[in-house]
N, C-alpha and C. Protein backbone atom coordinates (compact mmCIF):
# COMPACT_ATOMS: atom_id res chain seq x y z
N MET A 1 0.68 -1.29 -0.18
CA MET A 1 -0.33 -0.13 -0.11
C MET A 1 1.17 1.56 -0.03
N TYR A 2 2.01 0.50 0.66
CA TYR A 2 2.49 2.22 0.87
C TYR A 2 3.51 2.61 -0.12
N VAL A 3 3.92 1.71 -1.36
CA VAL A 3 5.14 1.71 -1.85
C VAL A 3 3.65 2.41 -3.56
N GLY A 4 1.83 2.09 -3.23
CA GLY A 4 1.45 2.07 -4.19
C GLY A 4 1.01 3.83 -3.99
N ILE A 5 0.71 4.10 -2.86
CA ILE A 5 0.50 5.36 -2.66
C ILE A 5 2.11 6.52 -3.00
N VAL A 6 3.23 6.31 -2.64
CA VAL A 6 3.98 6.93 -3.30
C VAL A 6 3.95 6.74 -4.73
N GLY A 7 4.15 5.85 -5.71
CA GLY A 7 4.21 5.50 -7.06
C GLY A 7 3.56 5.90 -7.53
N VAL A 8 2.42 6.85 -7.11
CA VAL A 8 1.00 7.14 -7.04
C VAL A 8 1.44 8.60 -7.43
N ILE A 9 1.65 9.06 -6.24
CA ILE A 9 2.64 11.24 -6.68
C ILE A 9 3.00 11.06 -7.14
N LEU A 10 4.58 9.69 -7.80
CA LEU A 10 5.39 10.13 -8.11
C LEU A 10 5.13 10.10 -9.63
N SER A 11 4.26 9.73 -10.24
CA SER A 11 3.50 9.68 -10.92
C SER A 11 3.14 10.06 -11.46
N GLU A 12 2.59 11.43 -10.64
CA GLU A 12 0.96 12.33 -11.02
C GLU A 12 2.67 13.51 -11.63
N ALA A 13 3.81 13.29 -10.52
CA ALA A 13 4.50 14.36 -10.03
C ALA A 13 5.51 14.17 -11.38
N LEU A 14 5.53 13.31 -12.48
CA LEU A 14 5.95 13.06 -13.20
C LEU A 14 5.53 13.84 -14.61
N PHE A 15 4.30 12.39 -14.25
CA PHE A 15 3.06 13.86 -15.56
C PHE A 15 2.84 15.70 -15.82
N PHE A 16 2.93 16.04 -14.42
CA PHE A 16 2.49 17.31 -14.06
C PHE A 16 3.76 18.06 -14.13
N GLY A 17 5.10 17.48 -14.31
CA GLY A 17 5.97 17.86 -14.96
C GLY A 17 6.51 18.74 -12.91
N SER A 18 5.40 18.58 -11.59
CA SER A 18 5.41 19.41 -10.53
C SER A 18 6.58 18.70 -9.47
N LEU A 19 8.01 19.87 -8.50
CA LEU A 19 8.24 19.35 -7.72
C LEU A 19 7.88 20.10 -6.54
N SER A 20 6.91 20.20 -6.10
CA SER A 20 6.41 20.14 -5.81
C SER A 20 5.50 18.87 -4.61
N LEU A 21 4.93 18.43 -5.77
CA LEU A 21 4.10 16.88 -5.29
C LEU A 21 5.84 15.75 -5.26
N LEU A 22 6.85 16.02 -6.18
CA LEU A 22 8.34 15.23 -5.73
C LEU A 22 8.52 15.22 -4.66
N ALA A 23 8.64 16.51 -4.07
CA ALA A 23 8.66 16.68 -3.17
C ALA A 23 7.92 16.34 -1.31
N TYR A 24 5.91 16.29 -1.86
CA TYR A 24 5.85 16.12 -1.31
C TYR A 24 6.22 14.06 -1.53
N ALA A 25 6.50 13.34 -1.82
CA ALA A 25 6.32 11.63 -1.35
C ALA A 25 7.42 11.73 -1.48
N THR A 26 9.10 12.41 -1.50
CA THR A 26 9.84 12.11 -0.81
C THR A 26 9.32 12.35 0.80
N VAL A 27 8.55 12.81 1.33
CA VAL A 27 8.10 13.87 2.75
C VAL A 27 7.32 12.37 3.04
N LEU A 28 6.76 12.09 2.94
CA LEU A 28 5.14 11.22 2.86
C LEU A 28 6.00 10.25 2.32
N TRP A 29 6.56 9.49 2.15
CA TRP A 29 8.04 8.30 2.29
C TRP A 29 9.02 8.32 3.09
N PHE A 30 9.47 9.21 3.51
CA PHE A 30 10.01 9.17 4.45
C PHE A 30 8.67 8.87 5.24
N GLY A 31 7.88 9.36 6.05
CA GLY A 31 6.79 9.62 6.97
C GLY A 31 6.57 8.04 6.98
N PHE A 32 6.45 7.68 5.60
CA PHE A 32 6.26 5.96 5.87
C PHE A 32 6.86 4.80 6.16
N HIS A 33 8.37 5.34 5.69
CA HIS A 33 9.78 4.45 6.76
C HIS A 33 10.03 4.56 8.26
N LEU A 34 9.44 5.52 8.96
CA LEU A 34 9.61 6.04 10.37
C LEU A 34 7.97 4.79 9.93
N PHE A 35 7.15 5.36 10.51
CA PHE A 35 5.82 4.49 10.96
C PHE A 35 6.48 2.96 11.25
N ILE A 36 6.95 2.21 9.97
CA ILE A 36 6.99 1.68 9.48
C ILE A 36 7.91 0.66 10.71
N ILE A 37 9.20 1.55 10.06
CA ILE A 37 10.00 0.93 11.71
C ILE A 37 10.36 0.74 13.16
N PHE A 38 9.13 2.46 13.61
CA PHE A 38 9.28 2.25 14.60
C PHE A 38 7.93 2.29 15.32
N TYR A 39 7.04 1.63 14.50
CA TYR A 39 5.51 0.87 15.03
C TYR A 39 4.58 0.36 14.47
N GLU A 40 5.12 -1.06 13.36
CA GLU A 40 4.65 -2.17 12.73
C GLU A 40 5.58 -2.81 12.69
N GLU A 41 6.69 -2.63 12.35
CA GLU A 41 8.60 -3.62 12.25
C GLU A 41 7.93 -4.12 13.96
N PRO A 42 8.55 -3.15 14.94
CA PRO A 42 8.00 -3.73 16.60
C PRO A 42 6.50 -4.79 16.11
N HIS A 43 5.53 -4.13 16.25
CA HIS A 43 4.77 -4.68 16.94
C HIS A 43 4.76 -5.68 16.05
N LEU A 44 4.37 -6.38 14.83
CA LEU A 44 4.85 -7.70 14.01
C LEU A 44 5.05 -8.34 15.14
N ARG A 45 6.86 -7.94 15.93
CA ARG A 45 7.43 -8.54 15.92
C ARG A 45 7.39 -9.02 17.17
N ARG A 46 6.17 -8.27 18.13
CA ARG A 46 5.92 -9.43 19.41
C ARG A 46 4.54 -10.15 20.00
N LYS A 47 4.16 -10.35 18.09
CA LYS A 47 2.54 -11.08 17.72
C LYS A 47 3.69 -11.49 17.20
N PHE A 48 4.13 -11.69 16.30
CA PHE A 48 5.13 -13.64 15.77
C PHE A 48 6.03 -13.46 15.92
N GLY A 49 7.37 -13.41 17.14
CA GLY A 49 8.15 -13.34 17.31
C GLY A 49 9.07 -13.63 15.90
N THR A 50 9.38 -15.07 16.38
CA THR A 50 10.27 -15.86 15.70
C THR A 50 9.94 -15.42 14.23
N ALA A 51 8.99 -16.76 14.03
CA ALA A 51 7.89 -16.28 12.46
C ALA A 51 8.51 -15.18 11.87
N TYR A 52 8.32 -13.44 12.39
CA TYR A 52 8.55 -13.00 11.91
C TYR A 52 9.15 -12.42 11.41
N HIS A 53 11.06 -12.90 12.26
CA HIS A 53 12.33 -12.80 12.48
C HIS A 53 12.95 -13.25 10.90
N GLU A 54 12.11 -14.52 11.48
CA GLU A 54 12.64 -15.17 9.87
C GLU A 54 12.36 -14.64 8.07
N TYR A 55 11.10 -14.21 8.58
CA TYR A 55 10.18 -13.74 7.26
C TYR A 55 10.89 -11.83 7.18
N CYS A 56 11.42 -11.12 7.97
CA CYS A 56 12.37 -10.09 7.85
C CYS A 56 14.14 -10.43 7.19
N ARG A 57 14.34 -11.13 7.24
CA ARG A 57 14.90 -11.96 7.41
C ARG A 57 16.23 -12.04 5.85
N ARG A 58 14.30 -12.81 5.12
CA ARG A 58 14.21 -12.79 3.67
C ARG A 58 13.61 -12.52 3.26
N VAL A 59 13.06 -11.72 3.72
CA VAL A 59 12.73 -10.68 2.49
C VAL A 59 13.26 -9.04 2.88
N PRO A 60 12.78 -8.80 1.60
CA PRO A 60 13.86 -7.52 1.68
C PRO A 60 12.09 -6.35 1.92
N ARG A 61 12.71 -5.17 3.20
CA ARG A 61 12.16 -4.20 3.71
C ARG A 61 11.18 -3.21 2.24
N TRP A 62 12.02 -2.20 1.29
CA TRP A 62 11.28 -1.90 0.30
C TRP A 62 11.55 -2.10 -1.14
N GLY A 63 12.92 -3.47 -0.79
CA GLY A 63 12.97 -3.76 -2.34
C GLY A 63 12.05 -5.19 -2.87
N VAL A 64 12.45 -5.74 -4.18
CA VAL A 64 11.45 -6.38 -5.00
C VAL A 64 12.75 -8.11 -4.47
N ALA A 65 12.09 -9.26 -3.98
CA ALA A 65 12.99 -10.21 -3.64
C ALA A 65 12.75 -11.12 -5.10
N LEU A 66 13.84 -11.22 -5.82
CA LEU A 66 14.41 -12.12 -7.17
C LEU A 66 15.08 -13.62 -7.21
N ARG A 67 15.08 -13.49 -5.62
CA ARG A 67 15.56 -14.55 -5.57
C ARG A 67 14.59 -16.15 -6.24
N PRO A 68 13.75 -16.07 -5.09
CA PRO A 68 12.29 -16.89 -5.39
C PRO A 68 12.59 -17.38 -7.61
N PHE A 69 12.41 -15.70 -8.32
CA PHE A 69 12.48 -16.60 -9.71
C PHE A 69 14.06 -16.72 -9.85
N ARG A 70 14.69 -16.76 -9.09
CA ARG A 70 16.30 -17.26 -9.88
C ARG A 70 16.16 -17.92 -9.88
N ILE A 71 15.85 -18.41 -8.97
CA ILE A 71 15.67 -20.57 -8.80
C ILE A 71 14.30 -20.58 -9.68
N PHE A 72 12.85 -20.15 -10.04
CA PHE A 72 12.03 -20.77 -10.56
C PHE A 72 12.69 -20.65 -11.85
N PHE A 73 12.96 -20.08 -11.90
CA PHE A 73 13.82 -20.29 -13.56
C PHE A 73 14.90 -20.59 -14.66
N THR A 74 15.18 -20.80 -13.12
CA THR A 74 16.19 -21.79 -13.09
C THR A 74 16.82 -22.90 -13.56
N SER A 75 14.94 -23.09 -12.66
CA SER A 75 14.85 -25.12 -13.15
C SER A 75 14.10 -25.16 -14.23
N ILE A 76 13.67 -24.07 -15.15
CA ILE A 76 12.67 -24.14 -16.01
C ILE A 76 13.93 -24.67 -17.06
N PHE A 77 14.75 -23.45 -16.95
CA PHE A 77 16.35 -24.20 -18.42
C PHE A 77 16.88 -24.31 -17.76
N ILE A 78 16.67 -25.43 -17.14
CA ILE A 78 18.02 -27.23 -16.52
C ILE A 78 16.54 -28.26 -17.62
N ASN A 79 15.05 -27.82 -17.13
CA ASN A 79 14.76 -28.40 -18.27
C ASN A 79 14.73 -28.38 -19.08
N TYR A 80 14.88 -27.41 -19.64
CA TYR A 80 14.19 -27.46 -20.74
C TYR A 80 14.83 -27.98 -22.01
N PHE A 81 16.36 -27.16 -21.69
CA PHE A 81 17.52 -27.77 -21.94
C PHE A 81 18.87 -28.86 -21.71
N HIS A 82 18.62 -29.56 -20.58
CA HIS A 82 18.66 -30.16 -20.31
C HIS A 82 18.00 -32.40 -19.59
N PRO A 83 16.85 -32.07 -20.46
CA PRO A 83 16.41 -32.61 -20.52
C PRO A 83 16.23 -34.46 -19.87
């Protein structure tokens, strides 16, 4: 949800060529980031314990986890070219 909201505002900033919307998106992303670090993550750690810790270890906070896709496409490649 957070990435989607900031993405829409960044798209509007590009579409309208607005520096104020770009600044707003930056401030909003920073606010979301602080909210996630200081409120959401501690709450989820208390609620789910070690399961959430493992999840955080495997999944990046803001980026995209490409590792499962690499494993999937590698297996397709091996099965297709090496039957």
